[in-house]
Every structure is written in C-alpha cells, then in structure tokens.
Amino acid sequence: MAEGKYGKYIITEFYDKFELPPERAWEKPIMGRGLLNGQRRTMEHMVWMDSNVIPGAFYAEAVWFWPQARPKVIDPEAAKKSPGIPPHVHPFPELLSYYGTDMEHPDELYCDVEFWLEDEKYIFNKSFVVYIPEGVKHCPLKMHNMTIPIFHFTMGPGLEYK
C-alpha cells in the first residue's frame, strides 16, 4: 500500500489469496508472477482486486498471456479437463477485454480468441471489449495460434469473483 491519506486505496503487489470457483481451480497453480518451474507462466497476473484486497472494492484483474503451450507449465491431464476458461455465469455484469501488444498495430491480437456468449461462438483477432450482462453464460474462452503477448483486463461490480 502507498503512503498518504488515500494510500489505502492503491495496490502495487499481486494479491494471491483469492478463492476461485471450482471450475477455475485448474488455473490457481499457474497464477502469479515470475517464472514457474523455470519457465515463463502462460498467464501472468499483474493485479487482483476485490473487497478482500480493499474493503468495498469491486472485482477486477489484469493478466498478461504469453505465447507458449500450457502443457509446459501445468499438468497435461488438468489441461485436457479444462483447456480454456470454462462456461460460467456471474451474479454481476462483467467487462472482458483483450488487447494486442504490437505498438505499431495495437488493434491486432495476432491470435484467434474463441469466445462464447450463451450458445453463440465468436472468434476475435482484433483487440476487443465485451459487456456481459449479469447471469449471462459466457465462455469457454480459448486462444489459438498466439504469436505475441496479449494483455487482458476484466472487471465486474461484484465484491468478489463468483
């Protein structure tokens, strides 16, 4: 936490004590920062925010996705069971966004992001933001043919990720 009158509202460290619902439990071993088993993580979390981090704060997280194969970092059997973020719903609306990192072409993802809203499949290859209303089933989400890093930010006005 930063110093000053409003320092209690600023975080600069990754909070890793959050609880994930069972369908996302496979992600917990690969979440975090820095190398894992001597290799770069597939998902490198920069921040996690909710009311457990700062009382009253809503849920948000920011993640770097690096172009490498998941089985190098997590148990291949776990990857077979959950090869992407599985379908789920939240008791709050959510903004889900993915951004390209080529500064000459920031709108390009250099990846095909497969994303489902209810029973509709979308493929994104450009930077995007999706608004997901409360209670709408979304995902699976899978990344195909990623060649450069992607930055991801999501948030929802729930006090915890549920």
N, C-alpha and C. Protein backbone atom coordinates (compact mmCIF):
# COMPACT_ATOMS: atom_id res chain seq x y z
N MET A 1 0.84 -1.19 0.00
CA MET A 1 0.00 0.00 0.00
C MET A 1 0.88 1.25 0.00
N ALA A 2 0.42 2.24 -0.70
CA ALA A 2 1.13 3.51 -0.77
C ALA A 2 0.86 4.34 0.48
N GLU A 3 1.73 5.31 0.72
CA GLU A 3 1.54 6.20 1.86
C GLU A 3 0.60 7.34 1.48
N GLY A 4 0.14 8.06 2.48
CA GLY A 4 -0.71 9.22 2.24
C GLY A 4 -2.15 8.96 2.65
N LYS A 5 -2.92 9.99 2.63
CA LYS A 5 -4.32 9.93 3.05
C LYS A 5 -5.10 8.88 2.27
N TYR A 6 -4.86 8.75 0.98
CA TYR A 6 -5.60 7.81 0.15
C TYR A 6 -4.76 6.59 -0.25
N GLY A 7 -3.61 6.43 0.35
CA GLY A 7 -2.73 5.31 0.04
C GLY A 7 -3.37 3.95 0.24
N LYS A 8 -4.33 3.86 1.15
CA LYS A 8 -5.01 2.59 1.40
C LYS A 8 -5.82 2.12 0.20
N TYR A 9 -6.04 2.99 -0.78
CA TYR A 9 -6.79 2.63 -1.98
C TYR A 9 -5.90 2.27 -3.16
N ILE A 10 -4.60 2.17 -2.94
CA ILE A 10 -3.65 1.89 -4.02
C ILE A 10 -2.94 0.58 -3.72
N ILE A 11 -2.91 -0.32 -4.71
CA ILE A 11 -2.16 -1.57 -4.54
C ILE A 11 -1.06 -1.63 -5.60
N THR A 12 0.07 -2.18 -5.20
CA THR A 12 1.18 -2.36 -6.12
C THR A 12 1.72 -3.78 -6.09
N GLU A 13 1.14 -4.62 -5.27
CA GLU A 13 1.56 -6.02 -5.15
C GLU A 13 0.43 -6.93 -5.58
N PHE A 14 0.78 -8.06 -6.15
CA PHE A 14 -0.23 -9.04 -6.56
C PHE A 14 -0.81 -9.73 -5.33
N TYR A 15 -2.11 -9.72 -5.19
CA TYR A 15 -2.82 -10.40 -4.11
C TYR A 15 -3.16 -11.81 -4.58
N ASP A 16 -2.61 -12.81 -3.93
CA ASP A 16 -2.80 -14.19 -4.40
C ASP A 16 -3.63 -15.05 -3.45
N LYS A 17 -4.32 -14.43 -2.51
CA LYS A 17 -5.10 -15.20 -1.53
C LYS A 17 -6.57 -15.32 -1.90
N PHE A 18 -6.93 -14.93 -3.13
CA PHE A 18 -8.31 -15.01 -3.56
C PHE A 18 -8.73 -16.46 -3.78
N GLU A 19 -10.02 -16.70 -3.71
CA GLU A 19 -10.58 -18.03 -3.94
C GLU A 19 -11.23 -18.06 -5.32
N LEU A 20 -10.93 -19.09 -6.07
CA LEU A 20 -11.57 -19.29 -7.36
C LEU A 20 -12.68 -20.32 -7.23
N PRO A 21 -13.74 -20.19 -8.03
CA PRO A 21 -14.77 -21.23 -8.02
C PRO A 21 -14.19 -22.54 -8.58
N PRO A 22 -14.79 -23.68 -8.25
CA PRO A 22 -14.24 -24.99 -8.65
C PRO A 22 -13.92 -25.12 -10.14
N GLU A 23 -14.74 -24.52 -11.00
CA GLU A 23 -14.48 -24.67 -12.44
C GLU A 23 -13.22 -23.93 -12.90
N ARG A 24 -12.69 -23.05 -12.07
CA ARG A 24 -11.44 -22.35 -12.41
C ARG A 24 -10.27 -22.81 -11.55
N ALA A 25 -10.46 -23.85 -10.75
CA ALA A 25 -9.42 -24.31 -9.83
C ALA A 25 -8.13 -24.70 -10.55
N TRP A 26 -8.23 -25.17 -11.79
CA TRP A 26 -7.04 -25.58 -12.54
C TRP A 26 -6.09 -24.41 -12.79
N GLU A 27 -6.61 -23.18 -12.74
CA GLU A 27 -5.79 -22.00 -13.01
C GLU A 27 -4.90 -21.62 -11.82
N LYS A 28 -5.34 -21.92 -10.61
CA LYS A 28 -4.65 -21.43 -9.42
C LYS A 28 -3.15 -21.78 -9.42
N PRO A 29 -2.76 -23.03 -9.78
CA PRO A 29 -1.32 -23.33 -9.75
C PRO A 29 -0.49 -22.51 -10.74
N ILE A 30 -1.08 -21.99 -11.80
CA ILE A 30 -0.30 -21.24 -12.78
C ILE A 30 -0.43 -19.74 -12.61
N MET A 31 -1.33 -19.29 -11.71
CA MET A 31 -1.48 -17.86 -11.49
C MET A 31 -0.32 -17.34 -10.66
N GLY A 32 -0.02 -16.09 -10.84
CA GLY A 32 1.02 -15.48 -10.05
C GLY A 32 1.94 -14.66 -10.92
N ARG A 33 3.16 -14.45 -10.42
CA ARG A 33 4.12 -13.63 -11.13
C ARG A 33 5.47 -14.31 -11.12
N GLY A 34 6.25 -14.05 -12.14
CA GLY A 34 7.59 -14.62 -12.23
C GLY A 34 7.58 -16.01 -12.85
N LEU A 35 8.76 -16.62 -12.90
CA LEU A 35 8.89 -17.93 -13.51
C LEU A 35 8.23 -19.02 -12.67
N LEU A 36 7.79 -20.07 -13.36
CA LEU A 36 7.21 -21.24 -12.71
C LEU A 36 7.91 -22.46 -13.30
N ASN A 37 8.53 -23.26 -12.46
CA ASN A 37 9.30 -24.41 -12.92
C ASN A 37 10.33 -24.01 -13.97
N GLY A 38 10.94 -22.83 -13.78
CA GLY A 38 11.97 -22.36 -14.68
C GLY A 38 11.48 -21.80 -16.01
N GLN A 39 10.16 -21.69 -16.18
CA GLN A 39 9.62 -21.17 -17.44
C GLN A 39 8.64 -20.03 -17.17
N ARG A 40 8.48 -19.19 -18.19
CA ARG A 40 7.51 -18.11 -18.08
C ARG A 40 6.11 -18.71 -17.95
N ARG A 41 5.29 -18.14 -17.11
CA ARG A 41 3.91 -18.60 -16.95
C ARG A 41 3.11 -18.30 -18.21
N THR A 42 2.10 -19.11 -18.47
CA THR A 42 1.20 -18.84 -19.58
C THR A 42 0.32 -17.63 -19.26
N MET A 43 -0.13 -17.56 -18.01
CA MET A 43 -0.95 -16.45 -17.52
C MET A 43 -0.17 -15.80 -16.38
N GLU A 44 0.23 -14.56 -16.57
CA GLU A 44 0.96 -13.87 -15.51
C GLU A 44 0.10 -12.73 -14.99
N HIS A 45 -0.44 -12.91 -13.79
CA HIS A 45 -1.31 -11.90 -13.21
C HIS A 45 -0.51 -10.69 -12.73
N MET A 46 -1.01 -9.54 -13.07
CA MET A 46 -0.39 -8.30 -12.61
C MET A 46 -1.09 -7.79 -11.35
N VAL A 47 -2.42 -7.77 -11.37
CA VAL A 47 -3.16 -7.34 -10.18
C VAL A 47 -4.43 -8.16 -10.05
N TRP A 48 -4.89 -8.24 -8.84
CA TRP A 48 -6.20 -8.81 -8.49
C TRP A 48 -6.80 -7.85 -7.48
N MET A 49 -8.03 -7.46 -7.74
CA MET A 49 -8.71 -6.53 -6.83
C MET A 49 -10.09 -7.07 -6.51
N ASP A 50 -10.45 -7.01 -5.25
CA ASP A 50 -11.82 -7.26 -4.80
C ASP A 50 -11.92 -6.75 -3.38
N SER A 51 -13.04 -7.02 -2.72
CA SER A 51 -13.25 -6.47 -1.37
C SER A 51 -12.35 -7.14 -0.33
N ASN A 52 -11.70 -8.23 -0.68
CA ASN A 52 -10.73 -8.83 0.24
C ASN A 52 -9.41 -8.07 0.22
N VAL A 53 -9.11 -7.41 -0.88
CA VAL A 53 -7.88 -6.63 -1.00
C VAL A 53 -8.09 -5.25 -0.38
N ILE A 54 -9.14 -4.57 -0.81
CA ILE A 54 -9.52 -3.28 -0.24
C ILE A 54 -11.01 -3.35 0.07
N PRO A 55 -11.39 -3.28 1.35
CA PRO A 55 -12.81 -3.38 1.70
C PRO A 55 -13.68 -2.43 0.87
N GLY A 56 -14.74 -3.00 0.27
CA GLY A 56 -15.67 -2.23 -0.54
C GLY A 56 -15.32 -2.19 -2.02
N ALA A 57 -14.11 -2.62 -2.39
CA ALA A 57 -13.70 -2.59 -3.80
C ALA A 57 -14.41 -3.68 -4.58
N PHE A 58 -14.67 -3.44 -5.87
CA PHE A 58 -15.28 -4.46 -6.72
C PHE A 58 -14.19 -5.27 -7.41
N TYR A 59 -14.59 -6.37 -8.04
CA TYR A 59 -13.68 -7.31 -8.67
C TYR A 59 -13.05 -6.74 -9.94
N ALA A 60 -11.75 -6.94 -10.10
CA ALA A 60 -11.03 -6.63 -11.33
C ALA A 60 -9.73 -7.43 -11.32
N GLU A 61 -9.26 -7.80 -12.50
CA GLU A 61 -7.96 -8.43 -12.60
C GLU A 61 -7.31 -8.06 -13.93
N ALA A 62 -5.98 -8.05 -13.95
CA ALA A 62 -5.22 -7.77 -15.16
C ALA A 62 -4.20 -8.88 -15.33
N VAL A 63 -4.09 -9.39 -16.57
CA VAL A 63 -3.28 -10.58 -16.83
C VAL A 63 -2.52 -10.41 -18.15
N TRP A 64 -1.26 -10.82 -18.17
CA TRP A 64 -0.52 -10.99 -19.42
C TRP A 64 -0.68 -12.44 -19.84
N PHE A 65 -0.95 -12.67 -21.11
CA PHE A 65 -0.93 -14.02 -21.69
C PHE A 65 0.28 -14.09 -22.59
N TRP A 66 1.12 -15.10 -22.37
CA TRP A 66 2.34 -15.27 -23.14
C TRP A 66 2.16 -16.42 -24.13
N PRO A 67 2.71 -16.29 -25.33
CA PRO A 67 2.54 -17.33 -26.36
C PRO A 67 3.44 -18.54 -26.11
N GLN A 68 2.92 -19.50 -25.38
CA GLN A 68 3.60 -20.77 -25.16
C GLN A 68 2.54 -21.81 -24.89
N ALA A 69 2.92 -23.07 -24.96
CA ALA A 69 1.95 -24.16 -24.76
C ALA A 69 1.70 -24.38 -23.28
N ARG A 70 0.42 -24.48 -22.89
CA ARG A 70 0.07 -24.73 -21.50
C ARG A 70 0.71 -25.98 -20.91
N PRO A 71 0.77 -27.09 -21.64
CA PRO A 71 1.32 -28.29 -21.01
C PRO A 71 2.75 -28.14 -20.52
N LYS A 72 3.48 -27.12 -20.99
CA LYS A 72 4.82 -26.89 -20.47
C LYS A 72 4.78 -26.40 -19.03
N VAL A 73 3.63 -25.81 -18.63
CA VAL A 73 3.55 -25.15 -17.34
C VAL A 73 2.62 -25.85 -16.36
N ILE A 74 1.54 -26.44 -16.85
CA ILE A 74 0.61 -27.12 -15.95
C ILE A 74 0.51 -28.59 -16.31
N ASP A 75 -0.05 -29.34 -15.44
CA ASP A 75 -0.27 -30.77 -15.64
C ASP A 75 -1.08 -31.00 -16.91
N PRO A 76 -0.56 -31.78 -17.88
CA PRO A 76 -1.29 -32.01 -19.13
C PRO A 76 -2.68 -32.61 -18.90
N GLU A 77 -2.86 -33.43 -17.87
CA GLU A 77 -4.17 -34.01 -17.58
C GLU A 77 -5.16 -32.92 -17.17
N ALA A 78 -4.69 -31.97 -16.39
CA ALA A 78 -5.56 -30.84 -16.00
C ALA A 78 -5.93 -30.02 -17.23
N ALA A 79 -4.97 -29.85 -18.15
CA ALA A 79 -5.25 -29.08 -19.37
C ALA A 79 -6.31 -29.76 -20.22
N LYS A 80 -6.33 -31.10 -20.24
CA LYS A 80 -7.34 -31.82 -21.01
C LYS A 80 -8.73 -31.61 -20.42
N LYS A 81 -8.81 -31.57 -19.10
CA LYS A 81 -10.10 -31.39 -18.43
C LYS A 81 -10.63 -29.97 -18.60
N SER A 82 -9.76 -28.99 -18.60
CA SER A 82 -10.17 -27.58 -18.71
C SER A 82 -9.24 -26.85 -19.67
N PRO A 83 -9.33 -27.14 -20.98
CA PRO A 83 -8.42 -26.49 -21.93
C PRO A 83 -8.86 -25.09 -22.29
N GLY A 84 -9.08 -24.26 -21.35
CA GLY A 84 -9.56 -22.90 -21.55
C GLY A 84 -10.49 -22.55 -20.40
N ILE A 85 -10.89 -21.32 -20.34
CA ILE A 85 -11.80 -20.91 -19.27
C ILE A 85 -13.17 -21.51 -19.56
N PRO A 86 -13.71 -22.30 -18.64
CA PRO A 86 -14.98 -23.00 -18.89
C PRO A 86 -16.20 -22.08 -18.81
N PRO A 87 -17.34 -22.53 -19.34
CA PRO A 87 -18.57 -21.74 -19.26
C PRO A 87 -18.97 -21.46 -17.80
N HIS A 88 -19.45 -20.25 -17.56
CA HIS A 88 -19.88 -19.88 -16.21
C HIS A 88 -20.75 -18.63 -16.28
N VAL A 89 -21.34 -18.27 -15.15
CA VAL A 89 -22.14 -17.05 -15.02
C VAL A 89 -21.71 -16.32 -13.75
N HIS A 90 -22.01 -15.04 -13.70
CA HIS A 90 -21.72 -14.23 -12.51
C HIS A 90 -23.00 -13.55 -12.04
N PRO A 91 -23.08 -13.26 -10.73
CA PRO A 91 -24.24 -12.53 -10.22
C PRO A 91 -24.06 -11.01 -10.40
N PHE A 92 -23.18 -10.62 -11.32
CA PHE A 92 -22.94 -9.22 -11.63
C PHE A 92 -22.55 -9.12 -13.11
N PRO A 93 -22.71 -7.94 -13.74
CA PRO A 93 -22.24 -7.78 -15.11
C PRO A 93 -20.71 -7.76 -15.13
N GLU A 94 -20.13 -8.04 -16.28
CA GLU A 94 -18.68 -8.08 -16.38
C GLU A 94 -18.24 -7.45 -17.70
N LEU A 95 -17.12 -6.74 -17.65
CA LEU A 95 -16.43 -6.29 -18.86
C LEU A 95 -15.21 -7.18 -19.03
N LEU A 96 -15.07 -7.74 -20.20
CA LEU A 96 -13.97 -8.65 -20.51
C LEU A 96 -13.23 -8.04 -21.69
N SER A 97 -11.92 -7.82 -21.57
CA SER A 97 -11.19 -7.17 -22.66
C SER A 97 -9.84 -7.82 -22.88
N TYR A 98 -9.41 -7.82 -24.15
CA TYR A 98 -8.12 -8.36 -24.58
C TYR A 98 -7.51 -7.35 -25.54
N TYR A 99 -6.21 -7.07 -25.35
CA TYR A 99 -5.55 -6.03 -26.12
C TYR A 99 -4.27 -6.56 -26.76
N GLY A 100 -4.06 -6.18 -28.03
CA GLY A 100 -2.83 -6.52 -28.73
C GLY A 100 -1.67 -5.69 -28.19
N THR A 101 -0.46 -6.23 -28.33
CA THR A 101 0.71 -5.55 -27.77
C THR A 101 1.72 -5.10 -28.83
N ASP A 102 1.38 -5.21 -30.10
CA ASP A 102 2.24 -4.68 -31.16
C ASP A 102 1.96 -3.18 -31.23
N MET A 103 2.90 -2.37 -30.80
CA MET A 103 2.64 -0.93 -30.70
C MET A 103 2.46 -0.27 -32.07
N GLU A 104 2.90 -0.93 -33.14
CA GLU A 104 2.64 -0.41 -34.49
C GLU A 104 1.22 -0.74 -34.95
N HIS A 105 0.64 -1.82 -34.41
CA HIS A 105 -0.70 -2.28 -34.77
C HIS A 105 -1.42 -2.77 -33.51
N PRO A 106 -1.73 -1.87 -32.56
CA PRO A 106 -2.30 -2.30 -31.28
C PRO A 106 -3.67 -2.94 -31.37
N ASP A 107 -4.35 -2.77 -32.52
CA ASP A 107 -5.66 -3.40 -32.67
C ASP A 107 -5.54 -4.88 -33.04
N GLU A 108 -4.36 -5.33 -33.48
CA GLU A 108 -4.17 -6.73 -33.88
C GLU A 108 -3.79 -7.60 -32.68
N LEU A 109 -4.48 -8.72 -32.52
CA LEU A 109 -4.16 -9.65 -31.45
C LEU A 109 -3.07 -10.65 -31.84
N TYR A 110 -2.92 -10.93 -33.13
CA TYR A 110 -2.01 -11.98 -33.59
C TYR A 110 -2.34 -13.29 -32.89
N CYS A 111 -3.63 -13.53 -32.79
CA CYS A 111 -4.17 -14.69 -32.10
C CYS A 111 -5.66 -14.76 -32.46
N ASP A 112 -6.21 -15.94 -32.44
CA ASP A 112 -7.65 -16.10 -32.58
C ASP A 112 -8.21 -16.45 -31.21
N VAL A 113 -9.00 -15.56 -30.66
CA VAL A 113 -9.62 -15.79 -29.36
C VAL A 113 -11.03 -16.31 -29.60
N GLU A 114 -11.26 -17.55 -29.21
CA GLU A 114 -12.59 -18.17 -29.31
C GLU A 114 -13.33 -17.83 -28.03
N PHE A 115 -14.51 -17.25 -28.19
CA PHE A 115 -15.28 -16.80 -27.03
C PHE A 115 -16.76 -17.07 -27.28
N TRP A 116 -17.42 -17.61 -26.27
CA TRP A 116 -18.84 -17.95 -26.39
C TRP A 116 -19.67 -17.07 -25.46
N LEU A 117 -20.81 -16.59 -25.96
CA LEU A 117 -21.86 -15.96 -25.17
C LEU A 117 -23.09 -16.83 -25.36
N GLU A 118 -23.53 -17.45 -24.25
CA GLU A 118 -24.60 -18.45 -24.32
C GLU A 118 -24.24 -19.48 -25.39
N ASP A 119 -25.04 -19.64 -26.45
CA ASP A 119 -24.75 -20.66 -27.46
C ASP A 119 -24.17 -20.06 -28.74
N GLU A 120 -23.67 -18.82 -28.67
CA GLU A 120 -23.09 -18.17 -29.84
C GLU A 120 -21.57 -18.10 -29.73
N LYS A 121 -20.90 -18.60 -30.76
CA LYS A 121 -19.44 -18.62 -30.80
C LYS A 121 -18.94 -17.41 -31.59
N TYR A 122 -17.95 -16.73 -31.02
CA TYR A 122 -17.30 -15.61 -31.69
C TYR A 122 -15.80 -15.88 -31.76
N ILE A 123 -15.17 -15.44 -32.83
CA ILE A 123 -13.72 -15.52 -32.97
C ILE A 123 -13.22 -14.08 -33.15
N PHE A 124 -12.34 -13.66 -32.25
CA PHE A 124 -11.78 -12.31 -32.30
C PHE A 124 -10.30 -12.40 -32.68
N ASN A 125 -9.87 -11.56 -33.61
CA ASN A 125 -8.44 -11.44 -33.90
C ASN A 125 -8.00 -9.97 -33.79
N LYS A 126 -8.90 -9.13 -33.29
CA LYS A 126 -8.63 -7.72 -33.03
C LYS A 126 -8.86 -7.45 -31.54
N SER A 127 -8.20 -6.44 -31.01
CA SER A 127 -8.43 -6.05 -29.61
C SER A 127 -9.93 -5.84 -29.41
N PHE A 128 -10.44 -6.26 -28.23
CA PHE A 128 -11.88 -6.18 -28.04
C PHE A 128 -12.26 -6.03 -26.57
N VAL A 129 -13.47 -5.53 -26.37
CA VAL A 129 -14.12 -5.47 -25.06
C VAL A 129 -15.52 -6.04 -25.25
N VAL A 130 -15.93 -6.91 -24.34
CA VAL A 130 -17.28 -7.47 -24.37
C VAL A 130 -17.97 -7.12 -23.05
N TYR A 131 -19.18 -6.61 -23.14
CA TYR A 131 -20.01 -6.40 -21.95
C TYR A 131 -20.87 -7.65 -21.78
N ILE A 132 -20.81 -8.25 -20.61
CA ILE A 132 -21.58 -9.47 -20.34
C ILE A 132 -22.59 -9.14 -19.24
N PRO A 133 -23.88 -9.13 -19.57
CA PRO A 133 -24.89 -8.83 -18.55
C PRO A 133 -24.89 -9.87 -17.42
N GLU A 134 -25.33 -9.46 -16.27
CA GLU A 134 -25.48 -10.35 -15.11
C GLU A 134 -26.26 -11.60 -15.52
N GLY A 135 -25.77 -12.77 -15.11
CA GLY A 135 -26.47 -14.03 -15.34
C GLY A 135 -26.33 -14.60 -16.74
N VAL A 136 -25.60 -13.95 -17.64
CA VAL A 136 -25.42 -14.49 -19.00
C VAL A 136 -24.23 -15.44 -19.01
N LYS A 137 -24.48 -16.67 -19.47
CA LYS A 137 -23.40 -17.66 -19.54
C LYS A 137 -22.40 -17.22 -20.60
N HIS A 138 -21.13 -17.27 -20.23
CA HIS A 138 -20.07 -16.93 -21.17
C HIS A 138 -18.91 -17.90 -21.02
N CYS A 139 -18.14 -18.01 -22.10
CA CYS A 139 -17.06 -18.96 -22.24
C CYS A 139 -17.65 -20.29 -22.69
N PRO A 140 -16.85 -21.23 -23.17
CA PRO A 140 -15.40 -21.26 -22.99
C PRO A 140 -14.69 -20.14 -23.74
N LEU A 141 -13.49 -19.87 -23.27
CA LEU A 141 -12.59 -18.94 -23.92
C LEU A 141 -11.30 -19.69 -24.17
N LYS A 142 -10.86 -19.70 -25.42
CA LYS A 142 -9.63 -20.40 -25.80
C LYS A 142 -8.84 -19.52 -26.74
N MET A 143 -7.53 -19.58 -26.63
CA MET A 143 -6.66 -18.81 -27.50
C MET A 143 -5.97 -19.77 -28.47
N HIS A 144 -6.05 -19.45 -29.75
CA HIS A 144 -5.46 -20.28 -30.79
C HIS A 144 -4.41 -19.49 -31.56
N ASN A 145 -3.29 -20.13 -31.85
CA ASN A 145 -2.24 -19.56 -32.71
C ASN A 145 -1.68 -18.23 -32.20
N MET A 146 -1.52 -18.09 -30.90
CA MET A 146 -0.97 -16.86 -30.34
C MET A 146 0.51 -16.76 -30.70
N THR A 147 0.92 -15.59 -31.23
CA THR A 147 2.32 -15.40 -31.60
C THR A 147 3.02 -14.30 -30.81
N ILE A 148 2.25 -13.36 -30.23
CA ILE A 148 2.83 -12.33 -29.38
C ILE A 148 1.98 -12.22 -28.12
N PRO A 149 2.52 -11.60 -27.06
CA PRO A 149 1.73 -11.47 -25.83
C PRO A 149 0.44 -10.70 -26.04
N ILE A 150 -0.53 -10.99 -25.18
CA ILE A 150 -1.82 -10.30 -25.16
C ILE A 150 -2.03 -9.81 -23.72
N PHE A 151 -2.57 -8.60 -23.59
CA PHE A 151 -2.90 -8.08 -22.27
C PHE A 151 -4.39 -8.18 -22.07
N HIS A 152 -4.79 -8.65 -20.90
CA HIS A 152 -6.20 -8.89 -20.57
C HIS A 152 -6.58 -8.11 -19.32
N PHE A 153 -7.75 -7.48 -19.37
CA PHE A 153 -8.29 -6.80 -18.19
C PHE A 153 -9.77 -7.11 -18.11
N THR A 154 -10.22 -7.45 -16.91
CA THR A 154 -11.63 -7.71 -16.70
C THR A 154 -12.06 -7.09 -15.38
N MET A 155 -13.33 -6.74 -15.32
CA MET A 155 -13.86 -6.18 -14.07
C MET A 155 -15.38 -6.37 -14.02
N GLY A 156 -15.90 -6.42 -12.81
CA GLY A 156 -17.33 -6.53 -12.58
C GLY A 156 -17.65 -5.95 -11.22
N PRO A 157 -18.81 -5.34 -11.05
CA PRO A 157 -19.12 -4.68 -9.79
C PRO A 157 -19.54 -5.62 -8.66
N GLY A 158 -19.05 -6.85 -8.67
CA GLY A 158 -19.24 -7.75 -7.53
C GLY A 158 -18.10 -7.56 -6.55
N LEU A 159 -18.35 -7.79 -5.28
CA LEU A 159 -17.31 -7.60 -4.28
C LEU A 159 -16.27 -8.72 -4.29
N GLU A 160 -16.60 -9.86 -4.90
CA GLU A 160 -15.69 -10.99 -5.04
C GLU A 160 -15.98 -11.67 -6.37
N TYR A 161 -14.99 -12.39 -6.86
CA TYR A 161 -15.20 -13.16 -8.09
C TYR A 161 -16.03 -14.38 -7.74
N LYS A 162 -17.23 -14.46 -8.31
CA LYS A 162 -18.11 -15.60 -8.05
C LYS A 162 -18.70 -16.05 -9.36
